Amino acid sequence: MRHQGGGNQRLRVVVLAVASVLLLGVVPAFFGLRAEGRDPVFASLDDLAVPTWAAVDPVDAVSGSRWCLLDCRLRERTVNSERSPEETAQVYESALSQDGWQPWKPAYCPEQEEKGSYTCWRRDELTLDLWVRAPTCVPPPVDGEPAVVPSLDPETAAEECPGSLVTVKVRNAIDDDRTRPQPSTDPSLTGVDPYPTLGDDPLGDLTPSPPS
């Protein structure tokens, strides 16, 4: 009986040890992996106070590393809106302000001229680009033939393709070139290095050696 009692006690110790390992290791690891898989930026976009008609069929895309290994993470979300670009831009800008985002007007916002409403925002260590525009309607292919892009006439596009298209891009501020000092002119237009480290002629001030 004493031998049986000692065996039961050892069994209880083993069971408690296994339970402790599960509670202290496996369960936190599970929740940690689940949190890692759910990007907090997309979670905050989910919580934006926009009506359901302004966030139809969201599509998310991610590139880069969350820990900024080689490239920092870029998050991009595209959604459809059932109402006009003007009304859609208004509700998104209001929701961003309520969520703590501040309007930001850097150079190259946007980097090139875009149709519709394009605004930039900052919050903590993140920057956000909001682009709201009229959608481009492309009819489905017929008998395997490629789709023909319709005319870009705004009146025709409005009749055939109502609503609007929204794109949100969020990146780390340290990886956003617009947070750094900008050249006075677009370097792509001048071909001049915007951040020179040397004068026009680094050898111009040197005294020539006398002839031997």
N, C-alpha and C. Protein backbone atom coordinates (compact mmCIF):
# COMPACT_ATOMS: atom_id res chain seq x y z
N MET A 1 0.83 -1.20 0.00
CA MET A 1 0.00 0.00 0.00
C MET A 1 0.86 1.25 0.00
N ARG A 2 1.97 1.21 0.79
CA ARG A 2 2.86 2.38 0.78
C ARG A 2 3.45 2.58 -0.60
N HIS A 3 3.79 1.45 -1.28
CA HIS A 3 4.34 1.55 -2.63
C HIS A 3 3.33 2.16 -3.60
N GLN A 4 2.04 1.73 -3.48
CA GLN A 4 0.99 2.26 -4.34
C GLN A 4 0.75 3.74 -4.08
N GLY A 5 0.82 4.13 -2.79
CA GLY A 5 0.64 5.55 -2.47
C GLY A 5 1.75 6.40 -3.03
N GLY A 6 3.00 5.89 -2.96
CA GLY A 6 4.11 6.65 -3.54
C GLY A 6 3.98 6.79 -5.04
N GLY A 7 3.46 5.75 -5.73
CA GLY A 7 3.28 5.84 -7.18
C GLY A 7 2.23 6.86 -7.55
N ASN A 8 1.13 6.92 -6.79
CA ASN A 8 0.09 7.92 -7.05
C ASN A 8 0.62 9.34 -6.87
N GLN A 9 1.47 9.52 -5.84
CA GLN A 9 2.02 10.85 -5.60
C GLN A 9 2.92 11.29 -6.75
N ARG A 10 3.75 10.35 -7.24
CA ARG A 10 4.61 10.70 -8.37
C ARG A 10 3.79 11.01 -9.62
N LEU A 11 2.68 10.29 -9.79
CA LEU A 11 1.82 10.54 -10.94
C LEU A 11 1.22 11.94 -10.87
N ARG A 12 0.81 12.32 -9.65
CA ARG A 12 0.25 13.66 -9.49
C ARG A 12 1.29 14.72 -9.78
N VAL A 13 2.52 14.50 -9.36
CA VAL A 13 3.60 15.46 -9.63
C VAL A 13 3.83 15.61 -11.13
N VAL A 14 3.82 14.46 -11.84
CA VAL A 14 4.02 14.50 -13.29
C VAL A 14 2.88 15.25 -13.97
N VAL A 15 1.64 14.97 -13.53
CA VAL A 15 0.49 15.66 -14.13
C VAL A 15 0.57 17.15 -13.90
N LEU A 16 0.94 17.57 -12.68
CA LEU A 16 1.07 19.00 -12.38
C LEU A 16 2.18 19.64 -13.21
N ALA A 17 3.27 18.90 -13.39
CA ALA A 17 4.37 19.44 -14.20
C ALA A 17 3.95 19.64 -15.65
N VAL A 18 3.23 18.66 -16.20
CA VAL A 18 2.76 18.78 -17.58
C VAL A 18 1.79 19.94 -17.72
N ALA A 19 0.88 20.07 -16.75
CA ALA A 19 -0.08 21.17 -16.79
C ALA A 19 0.61 22.52 -16.71
N SER A 20 1.66 22.62 -15.89
CA SER A 20 2.41 23.87 -15.77
C SER A 20 3.09 24.23 -17.08
N VAL A 21 3.66 23.22 -17.74
CA VAL A 21 4.32 23.47 -19.03
C VAL A 21 3.31 23.99 -20.06
N LEU A 22 2.12 23.37 -20.08
CA LEU A 22 1.10 23.82 -21.02
C LEU A 22 0.67 25.25 -20.74
N LEU A 23 0.44 25.56 -19.47
CA LEU A 23 -0.05 26.90 -19.12
C LEU A 23 1.01 27.96 -19.34
N LEU A 24 2.26 27.65 -19.01
CA LEU A 24 3.32 28.64 -19.07
C LEU A 24 4.00 28.73 -20.43
N GLY A 25 3.84 27.70 -21.25
CA GLY A 25 4.54 27.70 -22.53
C GLY A 25 3.64 27.66 -23.74
N VAL A 26 2.83 26.63 -23.85
CA VAL A 26 2.04 26.43 -25.06
C VAL A 26 0.97 27.50 -25.23
N VAL A 27 0.24 27.78 -24.17
CA VAL A 27 -0.86 28.75 -24.27
C VAL A 27 -0.34 30.15 -24.62
N PRO A 28 0.68 30.70 -23.91
CA PRO A 28 1.20 32.01 -24.34
C PRO A 28 1.75 32.00 -25.75
N ALA A 29 2.37 30.89 -26.15
CA ALA A 29 2.90 30.82 -27.53
C ALA A 29 1.77 30.86 -28.54
N PHE A 30 0.66 30.19 -28.22
CA PHE A 30 -0.49 30.20 -29.12
C PHE A 30 -1.03 31.60 -29.31
N PHE A 31 -1.25 32.31 -28.20
CA PHE A 31 -1.76 33.67 -28.30
C PHE A 31 -0.74 34.61 -28.94
N GLY A 32 0.53 34.35 -28.71
CA GLY A 32 1.56 35.17 -29.33
C GLY A 32 1.58 35.00 -30.84
N LEU A 33 1.45 33.76 -31.31
CA LEU A 33 1.42 33.52 -32.75
C LEU A 33 0.16 34.12 -33.37
N ARG A 34 -0.94 34.04 -32.65
CA ARG A 34 -2.17 34.62 -33.19
C ARG A 34 -2.05 36.14 -33.28
N ALA A 35 -1.43 36.77 -32.26
CA ALA A 35 -1.23 38.22 -32.31
C ALA A 35 -0.27 38.61 -33.41
N GLU A 36 0.76 37.76 -33.64
CA GLU A 36 1.72 38.03 -34.71
C GLU A 36 1.05 37.99 -36.07
N GLY A 37 0.11 37.05 -36.24
CA GLY A 37 -0.57 36.92 -37.52
C GLY A 37 -1.54 38.05 -37.78
N ARG A 38 -2.03 38.73 -36.80
CA ARG A 38 -2.98 39.83 -36.97
C ARG A 38 -2.23 41.14 -36.82
N ASP A 39 -2.00 41.81 -37.92
CA ASP A 39 -1.26 43.07 -37.90
C ASP A 39 -2.07 44.13 -37.16
N PRO A 40 -1.48 44.79 -36.16
CA PRO A 40 -2.24 45.78 -35.40
C PRO A 40 -2.68 46.97 -36.24
N VAL A 41 -1.97 47.26 -37.33
CA VAL A 41 -2.39 48.37 -38.20
C VAL A 41 -3.70 48.03 -38.88
N PHE A 42 -3.82 46.81 -39.40
CA PHE A 42 -5.08 46.42 -40.02
C PHE A 42 -6.19 46.35 -38.98
N ALA A 43 -5.84 45.95 -37.77
CA ALA A 43 -6.85 45.93 -36.71
C ALA A 43 -7.38 47.34 -36.44
N SER A 44 -6.48 48.34 -36.45
CA SER A 44 -6.93 49.72 -36.23
C SER A 44 -7.75 50.23 -37.41
N LEU A 45 -7.43 49.79 -38.63
CA LEU A 45 -8.25 50.17 -39.78
C LEU A 45 -9.63 49.53 -39.68
N ASP A 46 -9.69 48.30 -39.15
CA ASP A 46 -10.99 47.65 -38.95
C ASP A 46 -11.86 48.46 -38.00
N ASP A 47 -11.23 49.13 -37.03
CA ASP A 47 -11.97 49.84 -36.00
C ASP A 47 -12.32 51.28 -36.38
N LEU A 48 -11.91 51.73 -37.57
CA LEU A 48 -12.25 53.08 -37.98
C LEU A 48 -13.77 53.25 -38.04
N ALA A 49 -14.24 54.40 -37.58
CA ALA A 49 -15.68 54.66 -37.50
C ALA A 49 -16.21 55.12 -38.86
N VAL A 50 -16.17 54.20 -39.83
CA VAL A 50 -16.75 54.50 -41.15
C VAL A 50 -17.98 53.63 -41.33
N PRO A 51 -18.99 54.12 -42.04
CA PRO A 51 -20.20 53.30 -42.25
C PRO A 51 -19.90 52.10 -43.13
N THR A 52 -20.77 51.12 -43.07
CA THR A 52 -20.56 49.88 -43.82
C THR A 52 -20.54 50.12 -45.32
N TRP A 53 -21.27 51.12 -45.81
CA TRP A 53 -21.29 51.37 -47.25
C TRP A 53 -19.95 51.88 -47.77
N ALA A 54 -19.08 52.36 -46.86
CA ALA A 54 -17.79 52.90 -47.26
C ALA A 54 -16.65 51.89 -47.12
N ALA A 55 -16.94 50.67 -46.71
CA ALA A 55 -15.89 49.67 -46.50
C ALA A 55 -16.37 48.31 -46.99
N VAL A 56 -16.64 48.22 -48.29
CA VAL A 56 -17.17 47.00 -48.89
C VAL A 56 -16.02 46.20 -49.51
N ASP A 57 -15.98 44.93 -49.21
CA ASP A 57 -15.00 44.00 -49.79
C ASP A 57 -13.55 44.47 -49.62
N PRO A 58 -13.08 44.63 -48.39
CA PRO A 58 -11.68 45.06 -48.20
C PRO A 58 -10.69 44.00 -48.67
N VAL A 59 -9.61 44.45 -49.29
CA VAL A 59 -8.53 43.59 -49.73
C VAL A 59 -7.24 44.13 -49.15
N ASP A 60 -6.51 43.31 -48.37
CA ASP A 60 -5.28 43.75 -47.71
C ASP A 60 -4.07 43.14 -48.39
N ALA A 61 -2.99 43.92 -48.41
CA ALA A 61 -1.72 43.45 -48.95
C ALA A 61 -0.61 43.96 -48.04
N VAL A 62 0.43 43.12 -47.85
CA VAL A 62 1.54 43.45 -46.96
C VAL A 62 2.84 43.14 -47.68
N SER A 63 3.82 44.01 -47.50
CA SER A 63 5.16 43.74 -48.01
C SER A 63 6.17 44.25 -46.99
N GLY A 64 7.39 43.73 -47.03
CA GLY A 64 8.42 44.16 -46.09
C GLY A 64 8.32 43.43 -44.76
N SER A 65 9.21 43.82 -43.85
CA SER A 65 9.32 43.17 -42.55
C SER A 65 8.77 44.07 -41.45
N ARG A 66 8.05 43.46 -40.50
CA ARG A 66 7.56 44.23 -39.35
C ARG A 66 8.71 44.78 -38.54
N TRP A 67 9.85 44.10 -38.55
CA TRP A 67 11.01 44.53 -37.76
C TRP A 67 11.98 45.35 -38.60
N CYS A 68 11.55 45.77 -39.79
CA CYS A 68 12.35 46.62 -40.67
C CYS A 68 13.67 45.95 -41.04
N LEU A 69 13.64 44.65 -41.33
CA LEU A 69 14.80 43.94 -41.84
C LEU A 69 14.83 44.13 -43.35
N LEU A 70 15.84 44.82 -43.85
CA LEU A 70 15.96 45.23 -45.25
C LEU A 70 14.91 46.27 -45.60
N ASP A 71 13.65 45.92 -45.58
CA ASP A 71 12.57 46.87 -45.88
C ASP A 71 11.55 46.84 -44.75
N CYS A 72 11.08 48.03 -44.36
CA CYS A 72 10.03 48.10 -43.35
C CYS A 72 8.70 47.66 -43.97
N ARG A 73 7.78 47.35 -43.10
CA ARG A 73 6.50 46.83 -43.56
C ARG A 73 5.64 47.93 -44.17
N LEU A 74 5.04 47.63 -45.31
CA LEU A 74 4.07 48.49 -45.96
C LEU A 74 2.73 47.77 -45.97
N ARG A 75 1.72 48.41 -45.40
CA ARG A 75 0.39 47.82 -45.38
C ARG A 75 -0.48 48.60 -46.36
N GLU A 76 -1.26 47.88 -47.14
CA GLU A 76 -2.13 48.53 -48.12
C GLU A 76 -3.50 47.86 -48.08
N ARG A 77 -4.52 48.68 -47.98
CA ARG A 77 -5.90 48.18 -47.99
C ARG A 77 -6.68 48.91 -49.07
N THR A 78 -7.42 48.15 -49.87
CA THR A 78 -8.29 48.70 -50.90
C THR A 78 -9.71 48.24 -50.63
N VAL A 79 -10.64 49.20 -50.62
CA VAL A 79 -12.05 48.87 -50.37
C VAL A 79 -12.91 49.61 -51.39
N ASN A 80 -14.12 49.12 -51.56
CA ASN A 80 -15.10 49.78 -52.41
C ASN A 80 -16.07 50.57 -51.54
N SER A 81 -16.54 51.67 -52.08
CA SER A 81 -17.56 52.46 -51.41
C SER A 81 -18.77 52.57 -52.33
N GLU A 82 -19.95 52.55 -51.73
CA GLU A 82 -21.18 52.60 -52.52
C GLU A 82 -21.61 54.03 -52.83
N ARG A 83 -20.89 55.01 -52.32
CA ARG A 83 -21.26 56.41 -52.55
C ARG A 83 -20.13 57.17 -53.23
N SER A 84 -20.37 58.45 -53.48
CA SER A 84 -19.47 59.25 -54.29
C SER A 84 -18.11 59.42 -53.63
N PRO A 85 -17.06 59.71 -54.41
CA PRO A 85 -15.75 59.94 -53.81
C PRO A 85 -15.74 61.09 -52.81
N GLU A 86 -16.51 62.15 -53.08
CA GLU A 86 -16.52 63.30 -52.17
C GLU A 86 -17.08 62.90 -50.80
N GLU A 87 -18.21 62.20 -50.78
CA GLU A 87 -18.81 61.79 -49.51
C GLU A 87 -17.95 60.74 -48.81
N THR A 88 -17.35 59.85 -49.59
CA THR A 88 -16.50 58.81 -49.02
C THR A 88 -15.25 59.41 -48.40
N ALA A 89 -14.61 60.35 -49.09
CA ALA A 89 -13.41 60.99 -48.54
C ALA A 89 -13.73 61.71 -47.25
N GLN A 90 -14.89 62.34 -47.18
CA GLN A 90 -15.27 63.07 -45.98
C GLN A 90 -15.41 62.15 -44.77
N VAL A 91 -16.05 60.99 -44.93
CA VAL A 91 -16.24 60.10 -43.79
C VAL A 91 -14.91 59.47 -43.36
N TYR A 92 -14.03 59.19 -44.32
CA TYR A 92 -12.73 58.62 -43.95
C TYR A 92 -11.86 59.64 -43.23
N GLU A 93 -11.84 60.87 -43.71
CA GLU A 93 -11.04 61.89 -43.05
C GLU A 93 -11.56 62.16 -41.63
N SER A 94 -12.87 62.16 -41.46
CA SER A 94 -13.44 62.34 -40.12
C SER A 94 -13.08 61.17 -39.21
N ALA A 95 -13.13 59.95 -39.74
CA ALA A 95 -12.80 58.77 -38.93
C ALA A 95 -11.33 58.77 -38.54
N LEU A 96 -10.45 59.16 -39.44
CA LEU A 96 -9.02 59.21 -39.12
C LEU A 96 -8.75 60.24 -38.03
N SER A 97 -9.40 61.40 -38.10
CA SER A 97 -9.22 62.42 -37.07
C SER A 97 -9.69 61.91 -35.71
N GLN A 98 -10.81 61.22 -35.68
CA GLN A 98 -11.31 60.67 -34.43
C GLN A 98 -10.38 59.60 -33.86
N ASP A 99 -9.63 58.92 -34.73
CA ASP A 99 -8.73 57.86 -34.31
C ASP A 99 -7.34 58.38 -33.95
N GLY A 100 -7.15 59.70 -33.94
CA GLY A 100 -5.87 60.26 -33.51
C GLY A 100 -4.91 60.60 -34.63
N TRP A 101 -5.30 60.39 -35.88
CA TRP A 101 -4.42 60.75 -37.00
C TRP A 101 -4.46 62.25 -37.22
N GLN A 102 -3.31 62.82 -37.55
CA GLN A 102 -3.20 64.25 -37.80
C GLN A 102 -2.94 64.50 -39.28
N PRO A 103 -3.63 65.49 -39.89
CA PRO A 103 -3.34 65.81 -41.29
C PRO A 103 -1.87 66.19 -41.47
N TRP A 104 -1.30 65.74 -42.56
CA TRP A 104 0.13 65.94 -42.82
C TRP A 104 0.28 66.36 -44.27
N LYS A 105 1.03 67.43 -44.49
CA LYS A 105 1.17 67.97 -45.85
C LYS A 105 2.65 68.03 -46.24
N PRO A 106 3.26 66.88 -46.47
CA PRO A 106 4.66 66.88 -46.90
C PRO A 106 4.76 67.14 -48.41
N ALA A 107 5.97 67.36 -48.86
CA ALA A 107 6.19 67.41 -50.30
C ALA A 107 5.92 66.03 -50.89
N TYR A 108 5.47 66.03 -52.13
CA TYR A 108 5.18 64.77 -52.83
C TYR A 108 4.07 63.98 -52.15
N CYS A 109 3.01 64.68 -51.79
CA CYS A 109 1.79 64.02 -51.31
C CYS A 109 0.64 64.46 -52.23
N PRO A 110 0.37 63.71 -53.28
CA PRO A 110 1.03 62.46 -53.67
C PRO A 110 2.34 62.69 -54.41
N GLU A 111 3.05 61.59 -54.67
CA GLU A 111 4.31 61.69 -55.38
C GLU A 111 4.11 62.15 -56.81
N GLN A 112 2.97 61.83 -57.40
CA GLN A 112 2.61 62.33 -58.72
C GLN A 112 1.13 62.65 -58.71
N GLU A 113 0.72 63.49 -59.64
CA GLU A 113 -0.67 63.96 -59.64
C GLU A 113 -1.62 62.79 -59.82
N GLU A 114 -2.62 62.72 -58.95
CA GLU A 114 -3.62 61.66 -59.01
C GLU A 114 -5.01 62.26 -59.07
N LYS A 115 -5.93 61.56 -59.71
CA LYS A 115 -7.32 62.00 -59.74
C LYS A 115 -7.99 61.69 -58.42
N GLY A 116 -8.99 62.49 -58.07
CA GLY A 116 -9.71 62.26 -56.83
C GLY A 116 -9.10 63.01 -55.67
N SER A 117 -9.35 62.52 -54.47
CA SER A 117 -8.86 63.14 -53.23
C SER A 117 -7.69 62.33 -52.68
N TYR A 118 -6.54 62.98 -52.50
CA TYR A 118 -5.35 62.32 -51.97
C TYR A 118 -4.85 63.14 -50.79
N THR A 119 -4.87 62.55 -49.59
CA THR A 119 -4.40 63.24 -48.39
C THR A 119 -3.43 62.35 -47.63
N CYS A 120 -2.57 62.99 -46.83
CA CYS A 120 -1.58 62.27 -46.04
C CYS A 120 -1.79 62.57 -44.56
N TRP A 121 -1.42 61.59 -43.71
CA TRP A 121 -1.69 61.67 -42.28
C TRP A 121 -0.51 61.09 -41.51
N ARG A 122 -0.37 61.53 -40.24
CA ARG A 122 0.66 60.97 -39.36
C ARG A 122 0.07 60.68 -37.99
N ARG A 123 0.56 59.59 -37.38
CA ARG A 123 0.20 59.27 -35.99
C ARG A 123 1.32 58.43 -35.40
N ASP A 124 1.90 58.94 -34.32
CA ASP A 124 3.00 58.25 -33.65
C ASP A 124 4.10 57.94 -34.66
N GLU A 125 4.45 56.66 -34.80
CA GLU A 125 5.57 56.29 -35.67
C GLU A 125 5.10 55.87 -37.06
N LEU A 126 3.87 56.19 -37.45
CA LEU A 126 3.31 55.75 -38.71
C LEU A 126 2.91 56.93 -39.59
N THR A 127 2.93 56.70 -40.90
CA THR A 127 2.35 57.64 -41.86
C THR A 127 1.28 56.91 -42.66
N LEU A 128 0.31 57.67 -43.16
CA LEU A 128 -0.83 57.06 -43.86
C LEU A 128 -1.18 57.91 -45.07
N ASP A 129 -1.38 57.24 -46.20
CA ASP A 129 -1.86 57.88 -47.42
C ASP A 129 -3.29 57.41 -47.68
N LEU A 130 -4.18 58.36 -47.91
CA LEU A 130 -5.58 58.06 -48.20
C LEU A 130 -5.91 58.58 -49.59
N TRP A 131 -6.30 57.67 -50.48
CA TRP A 131 -6.63 58.03 -51.85
C TRP A 131 -8.04 57.55 -52.16
N VAL A 132 -8.93 58.50 -52.45
CA VAL A 132 -10.32 58.20 -52.78
C VAL A 132 -10.59 58.73 -54.19
N ARG A 133 -11.07 57.87 -55.07
CA ARG A 133 -11.32 58.30 -56.44
C ARG A 133 -12.46 57.49 -57.04
N ALA A 134 -12.91 57.94 -58.20
CA ALA A 134 -13.94 57.21 -58.92
C ALA A 134 -13.35 55.91 -59.45
N PRO A 135 -14.10 54.82 -59.43
CA PRO A 135 -13.57 53.54 -59.92
C PRO A 135 -13.49 53.53 -61.43
N THR A 136 -12.64 52.67 -61.94
CA THR A 136 -12.52 52.45 -63.38
C THR A 136 -13.24 51.15 -63.72
N CYS A 137 -14.27 51.25 -64.52
CA CYS A 137 -15.07 50.07 -64.83
C CYS A 137 -14.53 49.39 -66.07
N VAL A 138 -14.27 48.13 -65.97
CA VAL A 138 -13.82 47.32 -67.11
C VAL A 138 -14.83 46.19 -67.31
N PRO A 139 -15.48 46.13 -68.46
CA PRO A 139 -16.46 45.05 -68.67
C PRO A 139 -15.79 43.69 -68.71
N PRO A 140 -16.50 42.62 -68.38
CA PRO A 140 -15.92 41.27 -68.40
C PRO A 140 -15.59 40.85 -69.83
N PRO A 141 -14.62 39.94 -70.01
CA PRO A 141 -14.27 39.48 -71.36
C PRO A 141 -15.42 38.70 -71.98
N VAL A 142 -15.48 38.75 -73.31
CA VAL A 142 -16.53 38.06 -74.06
C VAL A 142 -15.88 37.00 -74.93
N ASP A 143 -16.33 35.75 -74.79
CA ASP A 143 -15.82 34.64 -75.61
C ASP A 143 -14.31 34.53 -75.54
N GLY A 144 -13.76 34.74 -74.33
CA GLY A 144 -12.33 34.57 -74.16
C GLY A 144 -11.50 35.74 -74.64
N GLU A 145 -12.13 36.75 -75.24
CA GLU A 145 -11.39 37.91 -75.71
C GLU A 145 -11.06 38.82 -74.54
N PRO A 146 -9.93 39.54 -74.58
CA PRO A 146 -9.58 40.45 -73.49
C PRO A 146 -10.62 41.56 -73.35
N ALA A 147 -10.77 42.02 -72.11
CA ALA A 147 -11.71 43.10 -71.86
C ALA A 147 -11.22 44.38 -72.52
N VAL A 148 -12.15 45.17 -73.00
CA VAL A 148 -11.83 46.46 -73.62
C VAL A 148 -12.05 47.55 -72.60
N VAL A 149 -11.03 48.35 -72.36
CA VAL A 149 -11.15 49.43 -71.40
C VAL A 149 -12.05 50.50 -71.97
N PRO A 150 -13.09 50.92 -71.26
CA PRO A 150 -14.02 51.91 -71.80
C PRO A 150 -13.39 53.29 -71.84
N SER A 151 -14.13 54.21 -72.44
CA SER A 151 -13.67 55.59 -72.52
C SER A 151 -13.54 56.18 -71.14
N LEU A 152 -12.59 57.09 -70.98
CA LEU A 152 -12.36 57.73 -69.68
C LEU A 152 -13.23 58.96 -69.50
N ASP A 153 -14.28 59.09 -70.29
CA ASP A 153 -15.20 60.21 -70.15
C ASP A 153 -15.82 60.16 -68.75
N PRO A 154 -15.66 61.20 -67.92
CA PRO A 154 -16.18 61.15 -66.54
C PRO A 154 -17.67 60.88 -66.48
N GLU A 155 -18.46 61.45 -67.43
CA GLU A 155 -19.90 61.26 -67.39
C GLU A 155 -20.26 59.80 -67.67
N THR A 156 -19.57 59.20 -68.64
CA THR A 156 -19.83 57.80 -68.94
C THR A 156 -19.43 56.91 -67.79
N ALA A 157 -18.24 57.19 -67.19
CA ALA A 157 -17.77 56.38 -66.07
C ALA A 157 -18.73 56.46 -64.90
N ALA A 158 -19.29 57.66 -64.64
CA ALA A 158 -20.20 57.83 -63.51
C ALA A 158 -21.47 57.01 -63.72
N GLU A 159 -21.95 56.95 -65.00
CA GLU A 159 -23.17 56.21 -65.26
C GLU A 159 -22.94 54.70 -65.17
N GLU A 160 -21.82 54.23 -65.66
CA GLU A 160 -21.58 52.80 -65.72
C GLU A 160 -21.03 52.25 -64.41
N CYS A 161 -20.34 53.07 -63.66
CA CYS A 161 -19.63 52.56 -62.49
C CYS A 161 -19.83 53.50 -61.31
N PRO A 162 -20.91 53.37 -60.58
CA PRO A 162 -21.15 54.26 -59.43
C PRO A 162 -20.26 53.91 -58.26
N GLY A 163 -20.31 54.76 -57.24
CA GLY A 163 -19.52 54.52 -56.03
C GLY A 163 -18.12 55.08 -56.16
N SER A 164 -17.21 54.55 -55.38
CA SER A 164 -15.82 55.03 -55.38
C SER A 164 -14.90 53.93 -54.89
N LEU A 165 -13.62 54.17 -55.08
CA LEU A 165 -12.59 53.22 -54.70
C LEU A 165 -11.66 53.91 -53.70
N VAL A 166 -11.32 53.20 -52.62
CA VAL A 166 -10.51 53.77 -51.54
C VAL A 166 -9.25 52.92 -51.38
N THR A 167 -8.11 53.58 -51.33
CA THR A 167 -6.85 52.90 -51.04
C THR A 167 -6.19 53.58 -49.85
N VAL A 168 -5.79 52.79 -48.87
CA VAL A 168 -5.09 53.28 -47.67
C VAL A 168 -3.73 52.60 -47.61
N LYS A 169 -2.67 53.40 -47.53
CA LYS A 169 -1.31 52.88 -47.39
C LYS A 169 -0.72 53.37 -46.07
N VAL A 170 -0.20 52.44 -45.27
CA VAL A 170 0.39 52.79 -43.97
C VAL A 170 1.81 52.25 -43.95
N ARG A 171 2.75 53.11 -43.57
CA ARG A 171 4.15 52.68 -43.49
C ARG A 171 4.79 53.29 -42.26
N ASN A 172 5.95 52.75 -41.87
CA ASN A 172 6.71 53.31 -40.76
C ASN A 172 7.30 54.66 -41.16
N ALA A 173 7.20 55.64 -40.26
CA ALA A 173 7.68 56.98 -40.59
C ALA A 173 9.17 56.98 -40.91
N ILE A 174 9.95 56.13 -40.23
CA ILE A 174 11.39 56.11 -40.48
C ILE A 174 11.71 55.60 -41.87
N ASP A 175 10.76 54.90 -42.50
CA ASP A 175 10.98 54.35 -43.83
C ASP A 175 10.29 55.18 -44.90
N ASP A 176 9.70 56.30 -44.49
CA ASP A 176 9.00 57.18 -45.43
C ASP A 176 9.93 58.34 -45.78
N ASP A 177 10.36 58.40 -47.03
CA ASP A 177 11.32 59.43 -47.46
C ASP A 177 10.79 60.84 -47.23
N ARG A 178 9.49 61.02 -47.17
CA ARG A 178 8.93 62.36 -47.02
C ARG A 178 9.11 62.93 -45.62
N THR A 179 9.51 62.09 -44.65
CA THR A 179 9.78 62.60 -43.30
C THR A 179 11.18 63.18 -43.20
N ARG A 180 11.99 63.07 -44.24
CA ARG A 180 13.36 63.57 -44.23
C ARG A 180 13.43 64.90 -44.97
N PRO A 181 14.52 65.64 -44.80
CA PRO A 181 14.67 66.90 -45.55
C PRO A 181 14.58 66.65 -47.04
N GLN A 182 13.80 67.50 -47.72
CA GLN A 182 13.57 67.33 -49.13
C GLN A 182 14.33 68.37 -49.94
N PRO A 183 14.76 68.03 -51.16
CA PRO A 183 15.41 69.01 -52.04
C PRO A 183 14.43 70.08 -52.46
N SER A 184 14.95 71.24 -52.85
CA SER A 184 14.08 72.35 -53.24
C SER A 184 13.38 72.08 -54.55
N THR A 185 13.95 71.24 -55.40
CA THR A 185 13.33 70.86 -56.65
C THR A 185 13.34 69.35 -56.76
N ASP A 186 12.48 68.87 -57.63
CA ASP A 186 12.39 67.43 -57.84
C ASP A 186 13.67 66.96 -58.53
N PRO A 187 14.49 66.11 -57.89
CA PRO A 187 15.75 65.68 -58.51
C PRO A 187 15.55 64.92 -59.80
N SER A 188 14.36 64.34 -60.01
CA SER A 188 14.13 63.63 -61.26
C SER A 188 14.03 64.57 -62.44
N LEU A 189 13.77 65.88 -62.14
CA LEU A 189 13.66 66.86 -63.21
C LEU A 189 14.99 67.51 -63.53
N THR A 190 15.90 67.55 -62.57
CA THR A 190 17.16 68.25 -62.75
C THR A 190 18.34 67.32 -62.93
N GLY A 191 18.24 66.11 -62.42
CA GLY A 191 19.35 65.19 -62.51
C GLY A 191 20.49 65.54 -61.59
N VAL A 192 20.24 66.38 -60.57
CA VAL A 192 21.27 66.82 -59.64
C VAL A 192 21.09 66.09 -58.33
N ASP A 193 22.18 65.69 -57.72
CA ASP A 193 22.12 65.04 -56.42
C ASP A 193 21.55 66.02 -55.40
N PRO A 194 20.40 65.71 -54.77
CA PRO A 194 19.79 66.67 -53.85
C PRO A 194 20.54 66.80 -52.54
N TYR A 195 21.42 65.87 -52.22
CA TYR A 195 22.14 65.91 -50.95
C TYR A 195 23.64 65.85 -51.20
N PRO A 196 24.22 66.88 -51.82
CA PRO A 196 25.66 66.83 -52.10
C PRO A 196 26.47 66.89 -50.82
N THR A 197 27.60 66.22 -50.83
CA THR A 197 28.49 66.24 -49.65
C THR A 197 29.76 67.00 -49.92
N LEU A 198 29.99 67.34 -51.19
CA LEU A 198 31.21 68.05 -51.55
C LEU A 198 30.84 69.30 -52.32
N GLY A 199 31.78 70.21 -52.44
CA GLY A 199 31.57 71.42 -53.21
C GLY A 199 31.57 71.12 -54.70
N ASP A 200 31.47 72.21 -55.49
CA ASP A 200 31.45 72.03 -56.93
C ASP A 200 32.76 71.42 -57.45
N ASP A 201 33.89 71.85 -56.84
CA ASP A 201 35.19 71.34 -57.28
C ASP A 201 36.02 71.06 -56.05
N PRO A 202 36.03 69.80 -55.55
CA PRO A 202 36.75 69.51 -54.31
C PRO A 202 38.24 69.72 -54.42
N LEU A 203 38.80 69.81 -55.64
CA LEU A 203 40.24 70.00 -55.81
C LEU A 203 40.60 71.44 -56.17
N GLY A 204 39.57 72.31 -56.23
CA GLY A 204 39.84 73.67 -56.70
C GLY A 204 40.68 74.49 -55.76
N ASP A 205 40.62 74.24 -54.45
CA ASP A 205 41.35 75.04 -53.48
C ASP A 205 42.76 74.54 -53.22
N LEU A 206 43.17 73.45 -53.87
CA LEU A 206 44.49 72.92 -53.63
C LEU A 206 45.53 73.72 -54.41
N THR A 207 46.69 73.93 -53.78
CA THR A 207 47.77 74.66 -54.43
C THR A 207 48.56 73.70 -55.31
N PRO A 208 48.75 74.03 -56.59
CA PRO A 208 49.48 73.10 -57.45
C PRO A 208 50.92 72.97 -57.03
N SER A 209 51.45 71.80 -57.22
CA SER A 209 52.87 71.56 -56.87
C SER A 209 53.77 72.22 -57.89
N PRO A 210 54.93 72.80 -57.42
CA PRO A 210 55.86 73.42 -58.37
C PRO A 210 56.46 72.38 -59.27
N PRO A 211 56.79 72.78 -60.48
CA PRO A 211 57.38 71.79 -61.41
C PRO A 211 58.73 71.31 -60.91
N SER A 212 59.05 70.08 -61.11
CA SER A 212 60.31 69.52 -60.65
C SER A 212 61.42 69.79 -61.65
